[in-house]
Amino acid sequence: MTETKPFWQSKTLWGGVIMILPTVLAFLGVDLTTEETAQIGSVVESIVEAVGFIFVIIGRIGAAKAIGVTPS
């Protein structure tokens, strides 16, 4: 693995946050069902994907070189 990505694009990181969220909320006195936890995970994943897409578009707009194949 040689390529890197920003931490917020890591599904593993978000999975860990979502996995610990019910425990933290229970400690604070809020109980979530398994279904509610799954819904939160789905929403967070969608937000992360949308933010990633926005960064891709911004990167493409600011790119210095065009996309294309150079003949050899």
C-alpha atoms as a PDB file:
ATOM      1  CA  MET A   1       0.000   0.000   0.000  1.00  0.00           C
ATOM      2  CA  THR A   2       1.785   3.149  -1.170  1.00  0.00           C
ATOM      3  CA  GLU A   3      -1.027   5.610  -1.806  1.00  0.00           C
ATOM      4  CA  THR A   4      -2.506   7.664   1.005  1.00  0.00           C
ATOM      5  CA  LYS A   5      -5.823   9.393   1.532  1.00  0.00           C
ATOM      6  CA  PRO A   6      -7.138  11.895   4.050  1.00  0.00           C
ATOM      7  CA  PHE A   7      -8.244  10.337   7.342  1.00  0.00           C
ATOM      8  CA  TRP A   8     -11.843  11.457   6.856  1.00  0.00           C
ATOM      9  CA  GLN A   9     -12.119   9.289   3.715  1.00  0.00           C
ATOM     10  CA  SER A  10     -11.347   6.152   5.698  1.00  0.00           C
ATOM     11  CA  LYS A  11     -14.358   3.888   6.061  1.00  0.00           C
ATOM     12  CA  THR A  12     -12.449   2.025   8.765  1.00  0.00           C
ATOM     13  CA  LEU A  13     -12.133   5.202  10.827  1.00  0.00           C
ATOM     14  CA  TRP A  14     -15.815   6.081  10.417  1.00  0.00           C
ATOM     15  CA  GLY A  15     -16.798   2.488  11.154  1.00  0.00           C
ATOM     16  CA  GLY A  16     -14.873   2.696  14.419  1.00  0.00           C
ATOM     17  CA  VAL A  17     -16.504   6.019  15.321  1.00  0.00           C
ATOM     18  CA  ILE A  18     -19.951   4.634  14.551  1.00  0.00           C
ATOM     19  CA  MET A  19     -19.196   1.443  16.465  1.00  0.00           C
ATOM     20  CA  ILE A  20     -18.200   3.340  19.628  1.00  0.00           C
ATOM     21  CA  LEU A  21     -20.992   5.935  19.311  1.00  0.00           C
ATOM     22  CA  PRO A  22     -23.722   3.833  21.017  1.00  0.00           C
ATOM     23  CA  THR A  23     -21.379   3.143  23.942  1.00  0.00           C
ATOM     24  CA  VAL A  24     -20.581   6.827  24.378  1.00  0.00           C
ATOM     25  CA  LEU A  25     -24.242   7.796  24.061  1.00  0.00           C
ATOM     26  CA  ALA A  26     -25.290   5.080  26.539  1.00  0.00           C
ATOM     27  CA  PHE A  27     -22.730   6.467  28.976  1.00  0.00           C
ATOM     28  CA  LEU A  28     -24.429   9.861  28.504  1.00  0.00           C
ATOM     29  CA  GLY A  29     -27.857   8.325  29.119  1.00  0.00           C
ATOM     30  CA  VAL A  30     -29.035   7.983  25.495  1.00  0.00           C
ATOM     31  CA  ASP A  31     -29.867   4.463  24.273  1.00  0.00           C
ATOM     32  CA  LEU A  32     -29.872   3.671  20.545  1.00  0.00           C
ATOM     33  CA  THR A  33     -31.359   0.634  18.870  1.00  0.00           C
ATOM     34  CA  THR A  34     -29.335  -1.397  16.382  1.00  0.00           C
ATOM     35  CA  GLU A  35     -31.478   0.052  13.588  1.00  0.00           C
ATOM     36  CA  GLU A  36     -30.788   3.630  14.705  1.00  0.00           C
ATOM     37  CA  THR A  37     -27.068   2.906  14.841  1.00  0.00           C
ATOM     38  CA  ALA A  38     -27.165   1.484  11.301  1.00  0.00           C
ATOM     39  CA  GLN A  39     -29.049   4.558  10.075  1.00  0.00           C
ATOM     40  CA  ILE A  40     -26.452   6.858  11.626  1.00  0.00           C
ATOM     41  CA  GLY A  41     -23.711   4.844   9.923  1.00  0.00           C
ATOM     42  CA  SER A  42     -25.444   5.162   6.583  1.00  0.00           C
ATOM     43  CA  VAL A  43     -25.851   8.918   6.960  1.00  0.00           C
ATOM     44  CA  VAL A  44     -22.221   9.416   8.012  1.00  0.00           C
ATOM     45  CA  GLU A  45     -20.986   7.319   5.084  1.00  0.00           C
ATOM     46  CA  SER A  46     -23.106   9.356   2.661  1.00  0.00           C
ATOM     47  CA  ILE A  47     -21.754  12.618   4.075  1.00  0.00           C
ATOM     48  CA  VAL A  48     -18.150  11.411   3.812  1.00  0.00           C
ATOM     49  CA  GLU A  49     -18.710  10.289   0.219  1.00  0.00           C
ATOM     50  CA  ALA A  50     -20.308  13.640  -0.675  1.00  0.00           C
ATOM     51  CA  VAL A  51     -17.410  15.573   0.849  1.00  0.00           C
ATOM     52  CA  GLY A  52     -14.959  13.365  -1.054  1.00  0.00           C
ATOM     53  CA  PHE A  53     -16.832  14.036  -4.286  1.00  0.00           C
ATOM     54  CA  ILE A  54     -16.695  17.792  -3.666  1.00  0.00           C
ATOM     55  CA  PHE A  55     -12.931  17.597  -3.135  1.00  0.00           C
ATOM     56  CA  VAL A  56     -12.548  15.630  -6.376  1.00  0.00           C
ATOM     57  CA  ILE A  57     -14.438  18.314  -8.306  1.00  0.00           C
ATOM     58  CA  ILE A  58     -12.467  21.123  -6.662  1.00  0.00           C
ATOM     59  CA  GLY A  59      -9.223  19.289  -7.428  1.00  0.00           C
ATOM     60  CA  ARG A  60     -10.170  18.805 -11.057  1.00  0.00           C
ATOM     61  CA  ILE A  61     -11.144  22.461 -11.479  1.00  0.00           C
ATOM     62  CA  GLY A  62      -7.847  23.596  -9.958  1.00  0.00           C
ATOM     63  CA  ALA A  63      -5.710  21.084 -11.859  1.00  0.00           C
ATOM     64  CA  ALA A  64      -2.876  22.466 -13.957  1.00  0.00           C
ATOM     65  CA  LYS A  65      -2.970  19.738 -16.621  1.00  0.00           C
ATOM     66  CA  ALA A  66      -5.751  18.293 -18.731  1.00  0.00           C
ATOM     67  CA  ILE A  67      -6.784  14.667 -18.516  1.00  0.00           C
ATOM     68  CA  GLY A  68      -5.864  12.651 -21.568  1.00  0.00           C
ATOM     69  CA  VAL A  69      -3.743   9.961 -23.089  1.00  0.00           C
ATOM     70  CA  THR A  70      -0.511  10.962 -24.741  1.00  0.00           C
ATOM     71  CA  PRO A  71       0.421   9.050 -27.888  1.00  0.00           C
ATOM     72  CA  SER A  72       3.595   6.993 -27.602  1.00  0.00           C
END
